[in-house]
Amino acid sequence: MKFSPINFNEKFTKFSEHWSPRVIAEMNEYQFKLVKVAGEFVWHDHPETDEVFIVIEGCLTIEFRDGIVSLESGEMFVIPKGVEHKPSASSECKIMIVEPKGVVNTGDTGGDLTAKNDLWV
């Protein structure tokens, strides 16, 4: 067992790509992933699981078919399974996502923004 904390700021310095989650820890088959985001993502959903967005730095907007939520640093939002959503950020935003291991970032939508799974930093 390693007895040192995980420093978010230090981990964020290890990658520059947007919309490409990096795993920093696992707990009970759930992964904690850091992500840098900017611009618009794709409409997608996760039919089998909820998804947690925690804003570390910046502002994140999550659009839904029937509404919108804006998150600032220190805020989080849980998206229930099966709810279609589209995250976006007008400038770079640093977030943490908590979801089960193996979840594809674009759900079944696919496309150019589909990231490789299980990339650790």
PDB file of N, CA and C in Angstrom:
ATOM      1  N   MET A   1       0.840  -1.185   0.000  1.00  0.00           N
ATOM      2  CA  MET A   1       0.000   0.000   0.000  1.00  0.00           C
ATOM      3  C   MET A   1       0.886   1.250   0.000  1.00  0.00           C
ATOM      4  N   LYS A   2       0.484   2.227  -0.777  1.00  0.00           N
ATOM      5  CA  LYS A   2       1.228   3.478  -0.883  1.00  0.00           C
ATOM      6  C   LYS A   2       0.605   4.508   0.067  1.00  0.00           C
ATOM      7  N   PHE A   3       1.424   5.169   0.869  1.00  0.00           N
ATOM      8  CA  PHE A   3       0.937   6.123   1.859  1.00  0.00           C
ATOM      9  C   PHE A   3       1.244   7.559   1.473  1.00  0.00           C
ATOM     10  N   SER A   4       0.794   7.949   0.274  1.00  0.00           N
ATOM     11  CA  SER A   4       0.959   9.338  -0.142  1.00  0.00           C
ATOM     12  C   SER A   4      -0.323   9.800  -0.822  1.00  0.00           C
ATOM     13  N   PRO A   5      -0.681  11.049  -0.603  1.00  0.00           N
ATOM     14  CA  PRO A   5      -1.922  11.557  -1.199  1.00  0.00           C
ATOM     15  C   PRO A   5      -1.784  11.728  -2.713  1.00  0.00           C
ATOM     16  N   ILE A   6      -2.923  11.764  -3.372  1.00  0.00           N
ATOM     17  CA  ILE A   6      -2.963  12.049  -4.802  1.00  0.00           C
ATOM     18  C   ILE A   6      -3.197  13.549  -4.950  1.00  0.00           C
ATOM     19  N   ASN A   7      -2.277  14.230  -5.616  1.00  0.00           N
ATOM     20  CA  ASN A   7      -2.372  15.667  -5.787  1.00  0.00           C
ATOM     21  C   ASN A   7      -2.953  15.970  -7.170  1.00  0.00           C
ATOM     22  N   PHE A   8      -4.158  16.542  -7.194  1.00  0.00           N
ATOM     23  CA  PHE A   8      -4.830  16.820  -8.463  1.00  0.00           C
ATOM     24  C   PHE A   8      -4.003  17.754  -9.341  1.00  0.00           C
ATOM     25  N   ASN A   9      -3.475  18.837  -8.770  1.00  0.00           N
ATOM     26  CA  ASN A   9      -2.710  19.798  -9.572  1.00  0.00           C
ATOM     27  C   ASN A   9      -1.511  19.137 -10.237  1.00  0.00           C
ATOM     28  N   GLU A  10      -0.813  18.298  -9.499  1.00  0.00           N
ATOM     29  CA  GLU A  10       0.354  17.597 -10.053  1.00  0.00           C
ATOM     30  C   GLU A  10      -0.076  16.652 -11.174  1.00  0.00           C
ATOM     31  N   LYS A  11      -1.161  15.947 -10.988  1.00  0.00           N
ATOM     32  CA  LYS A  11      -1.651  15.017 -12.019  1.00  0.00           C
ATOM     33  C   LYS A  11      -2.059  15.762 -13.291  1.00  0.00           C
ATOM     34  N   PHE A  12      -2.716  16.923 -13.133  1.00  0.00           N
ATOM     35  CA  PHE A  12      -3.137  17.696 -14.307  1.00  0.00           C
ATOM     36  C   PHE A  12      -1.946  18.164 -15.145  1.00  0.00           C
ATOM     37  N   THR A  13      -0.769  18.311 -14.549  1.00  0.00           N
ATOM     38  CA  THR A  13       0.404  18.753 -15.323  1.00  0.00           C
ATOM     39  C   THR A  13       0.941  17.655 -16.224  1.00  0.00           C
ATOM     40  N   LYS A  14       0.506  16.420 -16.050  1.00  0.00           N
ATOM     41  CA  LYS A  14       1.056  15.276 -16.774  1.00  0.00           C
ATOM     42  C   LYS A  14       0.368  14.997 -18.118  1.00  0.00           C
ATOM     43  N   PHE A  15      -0.666  15.774 -18.457  1.00  0.00           N
ATOM     44  CA  PHE A  15      -1.312  15.591 -19.760  1.00  0.00           C
ATOM     45  C   PHE A  15      -1.914  16.916 -20.211  1.00  0.00           C
ATOM     46  N   SER A  16      -2.104  17.055 -21.530  1.00  0.00           N
ATOM     47  CA  SER A  16      -2.643  18.303 -22.065  1.00  0.00           C
ATOM     48  C   SER A  16      -3.893  18.093 -22.927  1.00  0.00           C
ATOM     49  N   GLU A  17      -4.166  16.869 -23.327  1.00  0.00           N
ATOM     50  CA  GLU A  17      -5.293  16.590 -24.220  1.00  0.00           C
ATOM     51  C   GLU A  17      -6.631  16.924 -23.545  1.00  0.00           C
ATOM     52  N   HIS A  18      -7.558  17.418 -24.367  1.00  0.00           N
ATOM     53  CA  HIS A  18      -8.915  17.673 -23.891  1.00  0.00           C
ATOM     54  C   HIS A  18      -9.803  16.458 -24.157  1.00  0.00           C
ATOM     55  N   TRP A  19     -10.776  16.254 -23.303  1.00  0.00           N
ATOM     56  CA  TRP A  19     -11.772  15.187 -23.435  1.00  0.00           C
ATOM     57  C   TRP A  19     -11.136  13.795 -23.413  1.00  0.00           C
ATOM     58  N   SER A  20     -10.010  13.652 -22.741  1.00  0.00           N
ATOM     59  CA  SER A  20      -9.320  12.372 -22.658  1.00  0.00           C
ATOM     60  C   SER A  20      -9.059  12.034 -21.183  1.00  0.00           C
ATOM     61  N   PRO A  21     -10.020  11.368 -20.530  1.00  0.00           N
ATOM     62  CA  PRO A  21      -9.931  11.092 -19.095  1.00  0.00           C
ATOM     63  C   PRO A  21      -8.695  10.277 -18.721  1.00  0.00           C
ATOM     64  N   ARG A  22      -8.110  10.629 -17.567  1.00  0.00           N
ATOM     65  CA  ARG A  22      -6.966   9.915 -17.011  1.00  0.00           C
ATOM     66  C   ARG A  22      -7.343   9.388 -15.628  1.00  0.00           C
ATOM     67  N   VAL A  23      -7.162   8.114 -15.423  1.00  0.00           N
ATOM     68  CA  VAL A  23      -7.495   7.481 -14.147  1.00  0.00           C
ATOM     69  C   VAL A  23      -6.423   7.833 -13.121  1.00  0.00           C
ATOM     70  N   ILE A  24      -6.888   8.216 -11.914  1.00  0.00           N
ATOM     71  CA  ILE A  24      -5.938   8.502 -10.833  1.00  0.00           C
ATOM     72  C   ILE A  24      -6.127   7.562  -9.645  1.00  0.00           C
ATOM     73  N   ALA A  25      -7.280   6.859  -9.593  1.00  0.00           N
ATOM     74  CA  ALA A  25      -7.522   5.934  -8.481  1.00  0.00           C
ATOM     75  C   ALA A  25      -8.713   5.048  -8.815  1.00  0.00           C
ATOM     76  N   GLU A  26      -8.785   3.915  -8.114  1.00  0.00           N
ATOM     77  CA  GLU A  26      -9.933   3.009  -8.224  1.00  0.00           C
ATOM     78  C   GLU A  26     -10.435   2.653  -6.830  1.00  0.00           C
ATOM     79  N   MET A  27     -11.747   2.443  -6.743  1.00  0.00           N
ATOM     80  CA  MET A  27     -12.361   2.026  -5.499  1.00  0.00           C
ATOM     81  C   MET A  27     -13.590   1.180  -5.836  1.00  0.00           C
ATOM     82  N   ASN A  28     -13.601  -0.067  -5.417  1.00  0.00           N
ATOM     83  CA  ASN A  28     -14.764  -0.947  -5.620  1.00  0.00           C
ATOM     84  C   ASN A  28     -15.267  -0.937  -7.066  1.00  0.00           C
ATOM     85  N   GLU A  29     -14.371  -1.114  -8.014  1.00  0.00           N
ATOM     86  CA  GLU A  29     -14.703  -1.147  -9.447  1.00  0.00           C
ATOM     87  C   GLU A  29     -15.122   0.212 -10.008  1.00  0.00           C
ATOM     88  N   TYR A  30     -14.977   1.277  -9.223  1.00  0.00           N
ATOM     89  CA  TYR A  30     -15.214   2.637  -9.719  1.00  0.00           C
ATOM     90  C   TYR A  30     -13.873   3.302  -9.958  1.00  0.00           C
ATOM     91  N   GLN A  31     -13.836   4.167 -10.966  1.00  0.00           N
ATOM     92  CA  GLN A  31     -12.616   4.908 -11.267  1.00  0.00           C
ATOM     93  C   GLN A  31     -12.830   6.402 -11.034  1.00  0.00           C
ATOM     94  N   PHE A  32     -11.783   7.030 -10.526  1.00  0.00           N
ATOM     95  CA  PHE A  32     -11.730   8.474 -10.384  1.00  0.00           C
ATOM     96  C   PHE A  32     -10.849   8.961 -11.525  1.00  0.00           C
ATOM     97  N   LYS A  33     -11.419   9.810 -12.396  1.00  0.00           N
ATOM     98  CA  LYS A  33     -10.720  10.241 -13.601  1.00  0.00           C
ATOM     99  C   LYS A  33     -10.623  11.758 -13.651  1.00  0.00           C
ATOM    100  N   LEU A  34      -9.439  12.261 -13.955  1.00  0.00           N
ATOM    101  CA  LEU A  34      -9.258  13.688 -14.192  1.00  0.00           C
ATOM    102  C   LEU A  34      -9.353  13.937 -15.686  1.00  0.00           C
ATOM    103  N   VAL A  35      -9.990  15.046 -16.046  1.00  0.00           N
ATOM    104  CA  VAL A  35     -10.192  15.386 -17.453  1.00  0.00           C
ATOM    105  C   VAL A  35     -10.050  16.892 -17.636  1.00  0.00           C
ATOM    106  N   LYS A  36      -9.347  17.283 -18.675  1.00  0.00           N
ATOM    107  CA  LYS A  36      -9.339  18.681 -19.102  1.00  0.00           C
ATOM    108  C   LYS A  36     -10.338  18.784 -20.245  1.00  0.00           C
ATOM    109  N   VAL A  37     -11.229  19.762 -20.165  1.00  0.00           N
ATOM    110  CA  VAL A  37     -12.242  19.916 -21.209  1.00  0.00           C
ATOM    111  C   VAL A  37     -12.230  21.345 -21.723  1.00  0.00           C
ATOM    112  N   ALA A  38     -12.577  21.497 -22.992  1.00  0.00           N
ATOM    113  CA  ALA A  38     -12.719  22.810 -23.618  1.00  0.00           C
ATOM    114  C   ALA A  38     -13.548  22.628 -24.877  1.00  0.00           C
ATOM    115  N   GLY A  39     -14.422  23.573 -25.141  1.00  0.00           N
ATOM    116  CA  GLY A  39     -15.308  23.467 -26.294  1.00  0.00           C
ATOM    117  C   GLY A  39     -16.481  22.552 -25.973  1.00  0.00           C
ATOM    118  N   GLU A  40     -17.077  21.993 -27.027  1.00  0.00           N
ATOM    119  CA  GLU A  40     -18.265  21.159 -26.860  1.00  0.00           C
ATOM    120  C   GLU A  40     -17.940  19.685 -27.039  1.00  0.00           C
ATOM    121  N   PHE A  41     -18.589  18.860 -26.236  1.00  0.00           N
ATOM    122  CA  PHE A  41     -18.489  17.415 -26.361  1.00  0.00           C
ATOM    123  C   PHE A  41     -19.650  16.942 -27.228  1.00  0.00           C
ATOM    124  N   VAL A  42     -19.943  15.667 -27.240  1.00  0.00           N
ATOM    125  CA  VAL A  42     -21.034  15.111 -28.046  1.00  0.00           C
ATOM    126  C   VAL A  42     -22.213  14.749 -27.146  1.00  0.00           C
ATOM    127  N   TRP A  43     -23.401  14.730 -27.738  1.00  0.00           N
ATOM    128  CA  TRP A  43     -24.565  14.213 -27.028  1.00  0.00           C
ATOM    129  C   TRP A  43     -24.354  12.717 -26.812  1.00  0.00           C
ATOM    130  N   HIS A  44     -24.570  12.253 -25.586  1.00  0.00           N
ATOM    131  CA  HIS A  44     -24.406  10.833 -25.282  1.00  0.00           C
ATOM    132  C   HIS A  44     -25.110  10.499 -23.968  1.00  0.00           C
ATOM    133  N   ASP A  45     -25.215   9.229 -23.696  1.00  0.00           N
ATOM    134  CA  ASP A  45     -25.725   8.796 -22.398  1.00  0.00           C
ATOM    135  C   ASP A  45     -24.999   7.527 -21.985  1.00  0.00           C
ATOM    136  N   HIS A  46     -25.241   7.112 -20.753  1.00  0.00           N
ATOM    137  CA  HIS A  46     -24.669   5.884 -20.211  1.00  0.00           C
ATOM    138  C   HIS A  46     -25.839   5.083 -19.640  1.00  0.00           C
ATOM    139  N   PRO A  47     -26.392   4.151 -20.434  1.00  0.00           N
ATOM    140  CA  PRO A  47     -27.616   3.443 -20.044  1.00  0.00           C
ATOM    141  C   PRO A  47     -27.489   2.587 -18.785  1.00  0.00           C
ATOM    142  N   GLU A  48     -26.265   2.215 -18.421  1.00  0.00           N
ATOM    143  CA  GLU A  48     -26.081   1.284 -17.308  1.00  0.00           C
ATOM    144  C   GLU A  48     -25.590   1.925 -16.014  1.00  0.00           C
ATOM    145  N   THR A  49     -25.260   3.215 -16.026  1.00  0.00           N
ATOM    146  CA  THR A  49     -24.659   3.799 -14.822  1.00  0.00           C
ATOM    147  C   THR A  49     -24.878   5.301 -14.711  1.00  0.00           C
ATOM    148  N   ASP A  50     -24.919   5.768 -13.465  1.00  0.00           N
ATOM    149  CA  ASP A  50     -24.877   7.202 -13.193  1.00  0.00           C
ATOM    150  C   ASP A  50     -23.454   7.689 -13.458  1.00  0.00           C
ATOM    151  N   GLU A  51     -23.297   9.005 -13.565  1.00  0.00           N
ATOM    152  CA  GLU A  51     -21.975   9.603 -13.788  1.00  0.00           C
ATOM    153  C   GLU A  51     -21.872  10.873 -12.944  1.00  0.00           C
ATOM    154  N   VAL A  52     -20.748  11.035 -12.266  1.00  0.00           N
ATOM    155  CA  VAL A  52     -20.533  12.199 -11.406  1.00  0.00           C
ATOM    156  C   VAL A  52     -19.516  13.133 -12.049  1.00  0.00           C
ATOM    157  N   PHE A  53     -19.852  14.415 -12.132  1.00  0.00           N
ATOM    158  CA  PHE A  53     -18.941  15.452 -12.599  1.00  0.00           C
ATOM    159  C   PHE A  53     -18.611  16.358 -11.417  1.00  0.00           C
ATOM    160  N   ILE A  54     -17.321  16.541 -11.125  1.00  0.00           N
ATOM    161  CA  ILE A  54     -16.858  17.429 -10.058  1.00  0.00           C
ATOM    162  C   ILE A  54     -15.915  18.444 -10.697  1.00  0.00           C
ATOM    163  N   VAL A  55     -16.230  19.719 -10.581  1.00  0.00           N
ATOM    164  CA  VAL A  55     -15.385  20.753 -11.179  1.00  0.00           C
ATOM    165  C   VAL A  55     -14.275  21.126 -10.194  1.00  0.00           C
ATOM    166  N   ILE A  56     -13.046  20.946 -10.643  1.00  0.00           N
ATOM    167  CA  ILE A  56     -11.873  21.285  -9.854  1.00  0.00           C
ATOM    168  C   ILE A  56     -11.473  22.741 -10.112  1.00  0.00           C
ATOM    169  N   GLU A  57     -11.486  23.127 -11.395  1.00  0.00           N
ATOM    170  CA  GLU A  57     -11.100  24.490 -11.783  1.00  0.00           C
ATOM    171  C   GLU A  57     -11.838  24.882 -13.049  1.00  0.00           C
ATOM    172  N   GLY A  58     -12.406  26.078 -13.075  1.00  0.00           N
ATOM    173  CA  GLY A  58     -13.101  26.562 -14.254  1.00  0.00           C
ATOM    174  C   GLY A  58     -14.608  26.418 -14.142  1.00  0.00           C
ATOM    175  N   CYS A  59     -15.268  26.472 -15.290  1.00  0.00           N
ATOM    176  CA  CYS A  59     -16.734  26.380 -15.354  1.00  0.00           C
ATOM    177  C   CYS A  59     -17.126  25.346 -16.404  1.00  0.00           C
ATOM    178  N   LEU A  60     -18.075  24.504 -16.045  1.00  0.00           N
ATOM    179  CA  LEU A  60     -18.569  23.451 -16.933  1.00  0.00           C
ATOM    180  C   LEU A  60     -20.069  23.614 -17.098  1.00  0.00           C
ATOM    181  N   THR A  61     -20.539  23.492 -18.315  1.00  0.00           N
ATOM    182  CA  THR A  61     -21.968  23.503 -18.591  1.00  0.00           C
ATOM    183  C   THR A  61     -22.353  22.118 -19.078  1.00  0.00           C
ATOM    184  N   ILE A  62     -23.453  21.589 -18.548  1.00  0.00           N
ATOM    185  CA  ILE A  62     -23.964  20.305 -19.012  1.00  0.00           C
ATOM    186  C   ILE A  62     -25.372  20.546 -19.520  1.00  0.00           C
ATOM    187  N   GLU A  63     -25.539  20.307 -20.821  1.00  0.00           N
ATOM    188  CA  GLU A  63     -26.834  20.513 -21.463  1.00  0.00           C
ATOM    189  C   GLU A  63     -27.599  19.199 -21.473  1.00  0.00           C
ATOM    190  N   PHE A  64     -28.902  19.287 -21.217  1.00  0.00           N
ATOM    191  CA  PHE A  64     -29.804  18.148 -21.292  1.00  0.00           C
ATOM    192  C   PHE A  64     -30.877  18.481 -22.312  1.00  0.00           C
ATOM    193  N   ARG A  65     -31.617  17.516 -22.755  1.00  0.00           N
ATOM    194  CA  ARG A  65     -32.661  17.771 -23.752  1.00  0.00           C
ATOM    195  C   ARG A  65     -33.745  18.691 -23.198  1.00  0.00           C
ATOM    196  N   ASP A  66     -33.876  18.743 -21.860  1.00  0.00           N
ATOM    197  CA  ASP A  66     -34.932  19.552 -21.259  1.00  0.00           C
ATOM    198  C   ASP A  66     -34.417  20.550 -20.216  1.00  0.00           C
ATOM    199  N   GLY A  67     -33.112  20.878 -20.277  1.00  0.00           N
ATOM    200  CA  GLY A  67     -32.574  21.830 -19.309  1.00  0.00           C
ATOM    201  C   GLY A  67     -31.068  21.928 -19.399  1.00  0.00           C
ATOM    202  N   ILE A  68     -30.504  22.657 -18.451  1.00  0.00           N
ATOM    203  CA  ILE A  68     -29.069  22.898 -18.452  1.00  0.00           C
ATOM    204  C   ILE A  68     -28.616  23.115 -17.009  1.00  0.00           C
ATOM    205  N   VAL A  69     -27.397  22.710 -16.707  1.00  0.00           N
ATOM    206  CA  VAL A  69     -26.805  22.983 -15.394  1.00  0.00           C
ATOM    207  C   VAL A  69     -25.414  23.552 -15.625  1.00  0.00           C
ATOM    208  N   SER A  70     -25.073  24.600 -14.865  1.00  0.00           N
ATOM    209  CA  SER A  70     -23.748  25.204 -14.930  1.00  0.00           C
ATOM    210  C   SER A  70     -23.049  24.952 -13.606  1.00  0.00           C
ATOM    211  N   LEU A  71     -21.815  24.466 -13.699  1.00  0.00           N
ATOM    212  CA  LEU A  71     -21.043  24.134 -12.513  1.00  0.00           C
ATOM    213  C   LEU A  71     -19.773  24.970 -12.469  1.00  0.00           C
ATOM    214  N   GLU A  72     -19.431  25.436 -11.274  1.00  0.00           N
ATOM    215  CA  GLU A  72     -18.190  26.183 -11.067  1.00  0.00           C
ATOM    216  C   GLU A  72     -17.281  25.387 -10.148  1.00  0.00           C
ATOM    217  N   SER A  73     -16.061  25.856  -9.975  1.00  0.00           N
ATOM    218  CA  SER A  73     -15.092  25.190  -9.103  1.00  0.00           C
ATOM    219  C   SER A  73     -15.725  24.872  -7.751  1.00  0.00           C
ATOM    220  N   GLY A  74     -15.499  23.632  -7.313  1.00  0.00           N
ATOM    221  CA  GLY A  74     -16.029  23.209  -6.022  1.00  0.00           C
ATOM    222  C   GLY A  74     -17.448  22.679  -6.064  1.00  0.00           C
ATOM    223  N   GLU A  75     -18.039  22.554  -7.265  1.00  0.00           N
ATOM    224  CA  GLU A  75     -19.403  22.044  -7.384  1.00  0.00           C
ATOM    225  C   GLU A  75     -19.409  20.714  -8.124  1.00  0.00           C
ATOM    226  N   MET A  76     -20.463  19.925  -7.879  1.00  0.00           N
ATOM    227  CA  MET A  76     -20.592  18.632  -8.555  1.00  0.00           C
ATOM    228  C   MET A  76     -22.036  18.403  -8.951  1.00  0.00           C
ATOM    229  N   PHE A  77     -22.212  17.457  -9.872  1.00  0.00           N
ATOM    230  CA  PHE A  77     -23.550  17.096 -10.340  1.00  0.00           C
ATOM    231  C   PHE A  77     -23.543  15.617 -10.696  1.00  0.00           C
ATOM    232  N   VAL A  78     -24.612  14.910 -10.330  1.00  0.00           N
ATOM    233  CA  VAL A  78     -24.761  13.497 -10.660  1.00  0.00           C
ATOM    234  C   VAL A  78     -25.772  13.384 -11.795  1.00  0.00           C
ATOM    235  N   ILE A  79     -25.348  12.769 -12.888  1.00  0.00           N
ATOM    236  CA  ILE A  79     -26.235  12.530 -14.024  1.00  0.00           C
ATOM    237  C   ILE A  79     -26.752  11.097 -13.901  1.00  0.00           C
ATOM    238  N   PRO A  80     -28.077  10.931 -13.778  1.00  0.00           N
ATOM    239  CA  PRO A  80     -28.633   9.577 -13.654  1.00  0.00           C
ATOM    240  C   PRO A  80     -28.410   8.752 -14.920  1.00  0.00           C
ATOM    241  N   LYS A  81     -28.315   7.455 -14.738  1.00  0.00           N
ATOM    242  CA  LYS A  81     -28.103   6.571 -15.890  1.00  0.00           C
ATOM    243  C   LYS A  81     -29.201   6.772 -16.920  1.00  0.00           C
ATOM    244  N   GLY A  82     -28.788   6.702 -18.184  1.00  0.00           N
ATOM    245  CA  GLY A  82     -29.731   6.811 -19.287  1.00  0.00           C
ATOM    246  C   GLY A  82     -30.127   8.219 -19.677  1.00  0.00           C
ATOM    247  N   VAL A  83     -29.660   9.237 -18.970  1.00  0.00           N
ATOM    248  CA  VAL A  83     -30.027  10.617 -19.292  1.00  0.00           C
ATOM    249  C   VAL A  83     -29.023  11.180 -20.303  1.00  0.00           C
ATOM    250  N   GLU A  84     -29.532  11.583 -21.459  1.00  0.00           N
ATOM    251  CA  GLU A  84     -28.677  12.125 -22.506  1.00  0.00           C
ATOM    252  C   GLU A  84     -28.169  13.506 -22.092  1.00  0.00           C
ATOM    253  N   HIS A  85     -26.877  13.747 -22.331  1.00  0.00           N
ATOM    254  CA  HIS A  85     -26.264  15.009 -21.918  1.00  0.00           C
ATOM    255  C   HIS A  85     -25.118  15.377 -22.848  1.00  0.00           C
ATOM    256  N   LYS A  86     -24.769  16.676 -22.807  1.00  0.00           N
ATOM    257  CA  LYS A  86     -23.665  17.192 -23.629  1.00  0.00           C
ATOM    258  C   LYS A  86     -22.895  18.228 -22.812  1.00  0.00           C
ATOM    259  N   PRO A  87     -21.721  17.851 -22.285  1.00  0.00           N
ATOM    260  CA  PRO A  87     -20.893  18.807 -21.545  1.00  0.00           C
ATOM    261  C   PRO A  87     -20.193  19.779 -22.489  1.00  0.00           C
ATOM    262  N   SER A  88     -19.895  20.971 -21.963  1.00  0.00           N
ATOM    263  CA  SER A  88     -19.116  21.943 -22.719  1.00  0.00           C
ATOM    264  C   SER A  88     -18.451  22.920 -21.747  1.00  0.00           C
ATOM    265  N   ALA A  89     -17.423  23.578 -22.235  1.00  0.00           N
ATOM    266  CA  ALA A  89     -16.727  24.605 -21.458  1.00  0.00           C
ATOM    267  C   ALA A  89     -16.211  25.661 -22.424  1.00  0.00           C
ATOM    268  N   SER A  90     -16.507  26.923 -22.154  1.00  0.00           N
ATOM    269  CA  SER A  90     -16.078  27.991 -23.061  1.00  0.00           C
ATOM    270  C   SER A  90     -14.568  28.205 -23.025  1.00  0.00           C
ATOM    271  N   SER A  91     -13.936  27.871 -21.905  1.00  0.00           N
ATOM    272  CA  SER A  91     -12.479  27.871 -21.809  1.00  0.00           C
ATOM    273  C   SER A  91     -12.082  26.635 -21.006  1.00  0.00           C
ATOM    274  N   GLU A  92     -10.790  26.327 -20.980  1.00  0.00           N
ATOM    275  CA  GLU A  92     -10.374  25.077 -20.350  1.00  0.00           C
ATOM    276  C   GLU A  92     -10.900  24.962 -18.915  1.00  0.00           C
ATOM    277  N   CYS A  93     -11.440  23.798 -18.632  1.00  0.00           N
ATOM    278  CA  CYS A  93     -12.002  23.478 -17.328  1.00  0.00           C
ATOM    279  C   CYS A  93     -11.403  22.143 -16.908  1.00  0.00           C
ATOM    280  N   LYS A  94     -11.062  22.030 -15.629  1.00  0.00           N
ATOM    281  CA  LYS A  94     -10.494  20.791 -15.108  1.00  0.00           C
ATOM    282  C   LYS A  94     -11.524  20.132 -14.204  1.00  0.00           C
ATOM    283  N   ILE A  95     -11.845  18.878 -14.527  1.00  0.00           N
ATOM    284  CA  ILE A  95     -12.894  18.184 -13.786  1.00  0.00           C
ATOM    285  C   ILE A  95     -12.442  16.792 -13.354  1.00  0.00           C
ATOM    286  N   MET A  96     -13.194  16.235 -12.422  1.00  0.00           N
ATOM    287  CA  MET A  96     -13.040  14.835 -12.056  1.00  0.00           C
ATOM    288  C   MET A  96     -14.362  14.147 -12.376  1.00  0.00           C
ATOM    289  N   ILE A  97     -14.267  12.974 -12.967  1.00  0.00           N
ATOM    290  CA  ILE A  97     -15.430  12.140 -13.239  1.00  0.00           C
ATOM    291  C   ILE A  97     -15.287  10.877 -12.398  1.00  0.00           C
ATOM    292  N   VAL A  98     -16.385  10.456 -11.799  1.00  0.00           N
ATOM    293  CA  VAL A  98     -16.406   9.206 -11.041  1.00  0.00           C
ATOM    294  C   VAL A  98     -17.434   8.305 -11.700  1.00  0.00           C
ATOM    295  N   GLU A  99     -16.979   7.128 -12.143  1.00  0.00           N
ATOM    296  CA  GLU A  99     -17.858   6.191 -12.847  1.00  0.00           C
ATOM    297  C   GLU A  99     -17.249   4.797 -12.782  1.00  0.00           C
ATOM    298  N   PRO A 100     -18.066   3.769 -13.071  1.00  0.00           N
ATOM    299  CA  PRO A 100     -17.527   2.400 -13.038  1.00  0.00           C
ATOM    300  C   PRO A 100     -16.416   2.197 -14.070  1.00  0.00           C
ATOM    301  N   LYS A 101     -15.506   1.326 -13.747  1.00  0.00           N
ATOM    302  CA  LYS A 101     -14.425   0.959 -14.660  1.00  0.00           C
ATOM    303  C   LYS A 101     -15.022   0.450 -15.972  1.00  0.00           C
ATOM    304  N   GLY A 102     -14.440   0.869 -17.097  1.00  0.00           N
ATOM    305  CA  GLY A 102     -14.873   0.380 -18.406  1.00  0.00           C
ATOM    306  C   GLY A 102     -15.882   1.247 -19.122  1.00  0.00           C
ATOM    307  N   VAL A 103     -16.385   2.302 -18.486  1.00  0.00           N
ATOM    308  CA  VAL A 103     -17.364   3.173 -19.138  1.00  0.00           C
ATOM    309  C   VAL A 103     -16.671   3.955 -20.252  1.00  0.00           C
ATOM    310  N   VAL A 104     -17.279   3.971 -21.432  1.00  0.00           N
ATOM    311  CA  VAL A 104     -16.747   4.702 -22.584  1.00  0.00           C
ATOM    312  C   VAL A 104     -17.237   6.146 -22.489  1.00  0.00           C
ATOM    313  N   ASN A 105     -16.335   7.104 -22.646  1.00  0.00           N
ATOM    314  CA  ASN A 105     -16.689   8.509 -22.423  1.00  0.00           C
ATOM    315  C   ASN A 105     -17.797   9.017 -23.339  1.00  0.00           C
ATOM    316  N   THR A 106     -17.935   8.477 -24.532  1.00  0.00           N
ATOM    317  CA  THR A 106     -18.977   8.918 -25.463  1.00  0.00           C
ATOM    318  C   THR A 106     -20.185   7.982 -25.471  1.00  0.00           C
ATOM    319  N   GLY A 107     -20.252   7.051 -24.517  1.00  0.00           N
ATOM    320  CA  GLY A 107     -21.354   6.088 -24.498  1.00  0.00           C
ATOM    321  C   GLY A 107     -21.375   5.300 -25.791  1.00  0.00           C
ATOM    322  N   ASP A 108     -22.561   5.091 -26.350  1.00  0.00           N
ATOM    323  CA  ASP A 108     -22.702   4.374 -27.618  1.00  0.00           C
ATOM    324  C   ASP A 108     -22.598   5.303 -28.824  1.00  0.00           C
ATOM    325  N   THR A 109     -22.425   6.614 -28.578  1.00  0.00           N
ATOM    326  CA  THR A 109     -22.376   7.590 -29.664  1.00  0.00           C
ATOM    327  C   THR A 109     -21.125   7.422 -30.518  1.00  0.00           C
ATOM    328  N   GLY A 110     -19.976   7.159 -29.883  1.00  0.00           N
ATOM    329  CA  GLY A 110     -18.733   6.993 -30.626  1.00  0.00           C
ATOM    330  C   GLY A 110     -18.254   8.298 -31.231  1.00  0.00           C
ATOM    331  N   GLY A 111     -17.339   8.206 -32.188  1.00  0.00           N
ATOM    332  CA  GLY A 111     -16.826   9.390 -32.875  1.00  0.00           C
ATOM    333  C   GLY A 111     -15.405   9.737 -32.495  1.00  0.00           C
ATOM    334  N   ASP A 112     -14.950  10.877 -33.011  1.00  0.00           N
ATOM    335  CA  ASP A 112     -13.569  11.319 -32.835  1.00  0.00           C
ATOM    336  C   ASP A 112     -13.191  11.607 -31.385  1.00  0.00           C
ATOM    337  N   LEU A 113     -14.173  11.912 -30.527  1.00  0.00           N
ATOM    338  CA  LEU A 113     -13.867  12.248 -29.138  1.00  0.00           C
ATOM    339  C   LEU A 113     -13.889  11.035 -28.209  1.00  0.00           C
ATOM    340  N   THR A 114     -14.095   9.847 -28.771  1.00  0.00           N
ATOM    341  CA  THR A 114     -14.053   8.642 -27.943  1.00  0.00           C
ATOM    342  C   THR A 114     -12.608   8.426 -27.488  1.00  0.00           C
ATOM    343  N   ALA A 115     -12.425   8.384 -26.178  1.00  0.00           N
ATOM    344  CA  ALA A 115     -11.077   8.266 -25.605  1.00  0.00           C
ATOM    345  C   ALA A 115     -10.758   6.816 -25.277  1.00  0.00           C
ATOM    346  N   LYS A 116      -9.471   6.511 -25.232  1.00  0.00           N
ATOM    347  CA  LYS A 116      -9.033   5.193 -24.776  1.00  0.00           C
ATOM    348  C   LYS A 116      -9.379   5.065 -23.308  1.00  0.00           C
ATOM    349  N   ASN A 117      -9.764   3.864 -22.917  1.00  0.00           N
ATOM    350  CA  ASN A 117     -10.101   3.593 -21.528  1.00  0.00           C
ATOM    351  C   ASN A 117      -8.858   3.179 -20.749  1.00  0.00           C
ATOM    352  N   ASP A 118      -8.924   3.362 -19.453  1.00  0.00           N
ATOM    353  CA  ASP A 118      -7.907   2.865 -18.525  1.00  0.00           C
ATOM    354  C   ASP A 118      -6.542   3.508 -18.717  1.00  0.00           C
ATOM    355  N   LEU A 119      -6.502   4.784 -19.118  1.00  0.00           N
ATOM    356  CA  LEU A 119      -5.239   5.505 -19.191  1.00  0.00           C
ATOM    357  C   LEU A 119      -4.958   6.105 -17.811  1.00  0.00           C
ATOM    358  N   TRP A 120      -3.883   5.662 -17.194  1.00  0.00           N
ATOM    359  CA  TRP A 120      -3.527   6.132 -15.857  1.00  0.00           C
ATOM    360  C   TRP A 120      -2.504   7.252 -15.942  1.00  0.00           C
ATOM    361  N   VAL A 121      -2.575   8.154 -14.993  1.00  0.00           N
ATOM    362  CA  VAL A 121      -1.592   9.230 -14.891  1.00  0.00           C
ATOM    363  C   VAL A 121      -1.116   9.320 -13.446  1.00  0.00           C
TER     364      VAL A 121
END
